[in-house]
Protein backbone atom coordinates (compact mmCIF):
# COMPACT_ATOMS: atom_id res chain seq x y z
CA MET A 1 -88.65 8.09 -135.16
CA THR A 2 -89.70 9.19 -138.65
CA ALA A 3 -89.47 12.84 -139.73
CA ALA A 4 -93.26 13.13 -139.83
CA LYS A 5 -93.64 11.81 -136.29
CA PHE A 6 -90.86 14.11 -135.10
CA ARG A 7 -92.61 17.17 -136.60
CA LEU A 8 -95.91 16.12 -135.01
CA ALA A 9 -94.31 15.68 -131.58
CA SER A 10 -92.55 19.06 -131.83
CA ALA A 11 -95.79 20.82 -132.78
CA SER A 12 -97.56 19.22 -129.83
CA LEU A 13 -94.85 20.37 -127.42
CA LEU A 14 -95.01 23.94 -128.76
CA MET A 15 -98.79 23.98 -128.35
CA LEU A 16 -98.55 22.76 -124.75
CA ALA A 17 -95.91 25.39 -123.94
CA SER A 18 -98.10 28.12 -125.45
CA LEU A 19 -101.12 27.00 -123.46
CA SER A 20 -99.03 26.87 -120.28
CA ALA A 21 -97.81 30.46 -120.80
CA MET A 22 -101.37 31.64 -121.41
CA ALA A 23 -102.48 30.00 -118.18
CA GLN A 24 -99.79 31.78 -116.19
CA SER A 25 -100.86 35.26 -117.19
CA LYS A 26 -104.21 36.81 -117.89
CA ASP A 27 -105.26 40.17 -119.27
CA ILE A 28 -106.18 42.77 -116.67
CA VAL A 29 -108.87 44.99 -118.18
CA VAL A 30 -109.34 48.27 -116.31
CA ASP A 31 -112.14 50.82 -116.17
CA PRO A 32 -110.66 53.78 -118.16
CA LYS A 33 -112.69 56.31 -116.18
CA GLY A 34 -110.60 58.28 -113.72
CA ASP A 35 -106.88 57.97 -113.00
CA VAL A 36 -105.47 54.53 -113.92
CA PRO A 37 -102.06 54.17 -112.20
CA TYR A 38 -100.81 51.53 -114.64
CA VAL A 39 -99.79 51.68 -118.31
CA THR A 40 -102.59 50.33 -120.55
CA ASP A 41 -102.93 49.53 -124.25
CA GLN A 42 -105.76 50.46 -126.65
CA ARG A 43 -107.90 47.65 -125.20
CA ASN A 44 -107.61 49.12 -121.68
CA VAL A 45 -105.47 46.08 -120.75
CA VAL A 46 -102.64 46.64 -118.28
CA VAL A 47 -99.22 46.32 -119.94
CA LYS A 48 -96.90 43.83 -118.24
CA SER A 49 -93.14 43.28 -118.25
CA GLY A 50 -91.45 40.07 -119.33
CA ALA A 51 -91.54 39.02 -115.66
CA ASP A 52 -95.35 39.37 -115.67
CA LEU A 53 -95.24 42.56 -113.53
CA CYS A 54 -97.59 45.48 -114.19
CA TRP A 55 -95.97 48.68 -115.49
CA ARG A 56 -96.73 51.57 -113.13
CA THR A 57 -97.23 55.13 -114.35
CA GLY A 58 -95.46 58.12 -112.83
CA SER A 59 -98.67 59.00 -110.93
CA TRP A 60 -98.85 55.59 -109.24
CA THR A 61 -99.62 55.61 -105.52
CA PRO A 62 -101.00 52.89 -103.23
CA GLY A 63 -104.23 54.90 -102.98
CA ALA A 64 -104.63 55.10 -106.77
CA ALA A 65 -103.97 51.36 -107.10
CA ALA A 66 -106.81 50.75 -104.64
CA ASP A 67 -109.24 53.19 -106.30
CA ALA A 68 -108.97 52.26 -110.00
CA LYS A 69 -111.16 49.29 -110.92
CA ALA A 70 -110.52 46.14 -112.93
CA GLY A 71 -114.00 44.64 -112.92
CA GLU A 72 -115.50 44.65 -109.42
CA LEU A 73 -112.13 44.78 -107.63
CA PRO A 74 -109.32 47.37 -107.53
CA VAL A 75 -106.74 46.94 -110.29
CA GLY A 76 -104.09 46.82 -107.57
CA CYS A 77 -105.48 43.43 -106.49
CA GLU A 78 -103.99 42.01 -109.70
CA CYS A 79 -100.79 44.10 -109.73
CA ASP A 80 -99.92 45.09 -106.14
CA LYS A 81 -102.06 42.95 -103.83
CA ASP A 82 -99.59 43.25 -100.94
CA VAL A 83 -99.96 47.06 -101.04
CA VAL A 84 -103.74 47.24 -101.57
CA GLY A 85 -104.52 44.68 -98.87
CA ALA A 86 -106.28 41.32 -98.88
CA ASP A 87 -109.43 42.81 -97.36
CA LYS A 88 -110.07 44.92 -100.47
CA CYS A 89 -109.24 42.07 -102.81
CA ALA A 90 -111.69 39.47 -101.49
CA PRO A 91 -114.51 38.86 -104.00
CA ALA A 92 -118.03 39.46 -102.79
CA PRO A 93 -119.80 36.20 -101.84
CA ALA A 94 -122.30 34.90 -104.38
CA ALA A 95 -125.86 35.80 -103.54
CA ARG A 96 -128.27 32.96 -102.86
CA ALA A 97 -131.67 32.78 -104.51
CA THR A 98 -133.80 33.30 -101.42
CA ALA A 99 -136.84 35.29 -100.51
CA PRO A 100 -136.23 39.05 -100.29
CA ALA A 101 -135.00 40.05 -96.87
CA PRO A 102 -136.58 42.91 -95.00
CA VAL A 103 -135.11 46.25 -95.97
CA ALA A 104 -132.79 47.43 -93.23
CA VAL A 105 -131.44 50.92 -92.77
CA PRO A 106 -127.71 50.68 -93.57
CA ALA A 107 -125.34 51.70 -90.85
CA ALA A 108 -123.27 54.76 -91.56
CA ALA A 109 -119.84 53.91 -92.94
CA PRO A 110 -117.10 54.63 -90.41
CA ALA A 111 -115.23 57.85 -91.09
CA LYS A 112 -111.71 57.43 -92.44
CA CYS A 113 -108.51 59.26 -91.70
CA ASP A 114 -106.81 58.36 -95.00
CA PHE A 115 -104.58 60.95 -96.69
CA SER A 116 -101.50 61.30 -98.90
CA VAL A 117 -98.70 63.87 -98.73
CA THR A 118 -95.85 64.50 -101.19
CA LEU A 119 -92.69 66.36 -100.29
CA ALA A 120 -92.32 68.35 -103.51
CA ALA A 121 -91.59 71.90 -104.74
CA ASP A 122 -89.30 73.53 -102.13
CA ASN A 123 -89.51 70.38 -99.99
CA THR A 124 -87.55 68.22 -102.44
CA PHE A 125 -84.13 66.77 -101.66
CA ALA A 126 -80.88 68.28 -102.83
CA PHE A 127 -79.08 66.40 -105.60
CA ASN A 128 -77.41 63.22 -104.31
CA LYS A 129 -78.66 63.95 -100.75
CA ALA A 130 -81.12 62.35 -98.34
CA VAL A 131 -81.29 65.21 -95.82
CA LEU A 132 -84.63 66.87 -95.04
CA THR A 133 -84.75 70.62 -95.57
CA LYS A 134 -86.21 72.99 -92.99
CA SER A 135 -89.17 73.51 -95.31
CA ALA A 136 -89.70 69.74 -95.65
CA LYS A 137 -89.74 69.30 -91.87
CA ALA A 138 -92.30 72.09 -91.53
CA ASN A 139 -94.45 70.42 -94.20
CA LEU A 140 -94.27 67.09 -92.35
CA ASP A 141 -95.36 68.84 -89.15
CA ASN A 142 -98.33 70.58 -90.80
CA ALA A 143 -99.43 68.03 -93.38
CA VAL A 144 -98.73 64.74 -91.56
CA ILE A 145 -98.27 65.09 -87.80
CA ALA A 146 -101.15 67.58 -87.46
CA LYS A 147 -103.51 65.36 -89.49
CA LEU A 148 -102.59 62.26 -87.48
CA GLY A 149 -104.18 63.99 -84.50
CA ALA A 150 -107.57 63.54 -86.18
CA CYS A 151 -107.10 59.76 -86.49
CA ALA A 152 -108.53 57.37 -83.91
CA SER A 153 -105.66 55.03 -84.77
CA VAL A 154 -103.09 54.50 -87.50
CA GLN A 155 -103.37 51.28 -89.48
CA SER A 156 -100.52 51.88 -91.92
CA VAL A 157 -98.09 54.52 -93.12
CA ILE A 158 -96.30 53.82 -96.42
CA ILE A 159 -93.34 56.08 -97.13
CA THR A 160 -91.90 55.89 -100.66
CA GLY A 161 -88.67 57.60 -101.68
CA HIS A 162 -87.84 58.67 -105.25
CA ALA A 163 -84.72 59.79 -107.13
CA ASP A 164 -84.03 61.57 -110.41
CA ARG A 165 -82.64 59.70 -113.44
CA LEU A 166 -79.01 60.81 -113.08
CA GLY A 167 -76.84 57.87 -112.01
CA SER A 168 -77.30 54.10 -112.09
CA GLN A 169 -80.50 52.33 -111.08
CA SER A 170 -78.80 50.50 -108.20
CA TYR A 171 -77.36 53.75 -106.78
CA ASN A 172 -80.64 55.63 -107.10
CA GLN A 173 -82.52 52.72 -105.55
CA LYS A 174 -80.39 52.98 -102.39
CA LEU A 175 -80.65 56.79 -102.42
CA SER A 176 -84.47 56.66 -102.66
CA GLU A 177 -84.57 54.23 -99.74
CA LYS A 178 -82.39 56.58 -97.66
CA ARG A 179 -84.80 59.45 -98.38
CA ALA A 180 -87.76 57.36 -97.23
CA SER A 181 -85.83 56.39 -94.08
CA ALA A 182 -85.04 60.07 -93.38
CA VAL A 183 -88.77 60.87 -93.38
CA GLN A 184 -89.52 57.85 -91.19
CA ALA A 185 -86.87 58.90 -88.67
CA TYR A 186 -88.31 62.43 -88.48
CA LEU A 187 -91.88 61.18 -87.99
CA ALA A 188 -90.66 58.68 -85.37
CA GLY A 189 -89.12 61.58 -83.49
CA LYS A 190 -92.58 63.17 -83.47
CA GLY A 191 -94.15 60.07 -81.90
CA LEU A 192 -95.19 57.91 -84.88
CA LYS A 193 -94.65 54.26 -83.92
CA ALA A 194 -92.38 52.28 -86.23
CA GLU A 195 -94.71 49.26 -86.14
CA HIS A 196 -97.19 51.16 -88.35
CA VAL A 197 -94.61 52.36 -90.88
CA GLU A 198 -93.33 50.71 -94.06
CA THR A 199 -90.62 52.37 -96.13
CA MET A 200 -89.67 51.60 -99.71
CA GLY A 201 -87.64 53.09 -102.53
CA ALA A 202 -88.77 53.46 -106.14
CA GLY A 203 -85.34 54.53 -107.39
CA LYS A 204 -85.65 56.48 -110.64
CA THR A 205 -88.53 54.39 -112.02
CA GLN A 206 -91.39 56.85 -111.36
CA PRO A 207 -90.37 60.33 -112.58
CA ILE A 208 -92.96 63.11 -112.66
CA LYS A 209 -90.92 65.52 -114.79
CA SER A 210 -88.78 65.09 -117.92
CA CYS A 211 -85.87 67.38 -118.81
CA ASP A 212 -83.65 67.72 -121.89
CA ASP A 213 -80.00 66.70 -121.48
CA LYS A 214 -79.07 69.71 -123.64
CA LEU A 215 -79.73 71.98 -120.64
CA GLY A 216 -76.29 71.26 -119.23
CA ARG A 217 -75.63 69.43 -115.97
CA LYS A 218 -76.35 72.28 -113.52
CA LYS A 219 -79.64 73.31 -115.11
CA LEU A 220 -80.56 69.65 -115.68
CA ILE A 221 -80.15 68.93 -111.96
CA GLU A 222 -82.37 71.93 -111.15
CA CYS A 223 -84.96 70.85 -113.71
CA LEU A 224 -85.14 67.29 -112.33
CA ALA A 225 -85.68 68.46 -108.71
CA PRO A 226 -89.41 67.47 -108.61
CA ASN A 227 -88.38 63.84 -109.09
CA ARG A 228 -86.30 63.88 -105.88
CA ARG A 229 -89.29 63.48 -103.61
CA VAL A 230 -91.00 61.35 -100.95
CA THR A 231 -94.68 60.37 -100.72
CA ILE A 232 -96.45 59.47 -97.47
CA ASP A 233 -99.71 57.49 -97.58
CA VAL A 234 -101.65 57.13 -94.31
CA LYS A 235 -104.63 54.87 -93.61
CA GLY A 236 -106.76 54.56 -90.48
CA PRO A 237 -110.16 55.35 -88.92
CA ALA A 238 -111.04 58.90 -87.91
CA LYS A 239 -112.03 59.89 -84.40
């Protein structure tokens, strides 16, 4: 093969590889109004990792992923479809060009029993611990168990544990999962069926407070307390 033909073949292969990469990933443009739970650039395009995963912000929750819009659908349909749910990610069927239908009075939307609770402030976990405090248990009784009584049924409960940034990612991942499991165990003891509950750990990837290392270890641990938390997201119809 001549040098000219070799250069032409190489350029063709590079072009095909580039087109293939572009086909694998597409820009996700979000509506900047309201709280967008993903990192975006100046074009309002969601920033992705090298593995084509959307970067979440510290305020990310399953509810926020389902509320923020990317076109007509929630942005979570592109980034976290398994969390948002296939029912919310199905595109609306195309309208047919037919004669106008008689105007019907729309039925009232069914009332929802959706809510989110965060164990924060004096409900946070002690450093390197996954044990619920007395205050945290009281908060779960008042803010979760009591509200579940207003639900006709429970469709899903997502419990997400978090850790501060001290320690390795693998260690904090396991610790955050233990904290989520501690909340699940307490709610199960109050009658919440395990079949409705999903637990997960975010490790130290979603902090809500930053602290300076110059504080010293003791004060740094105290400062980072808000990051040692658990969030509970409940979905279901109201009575």
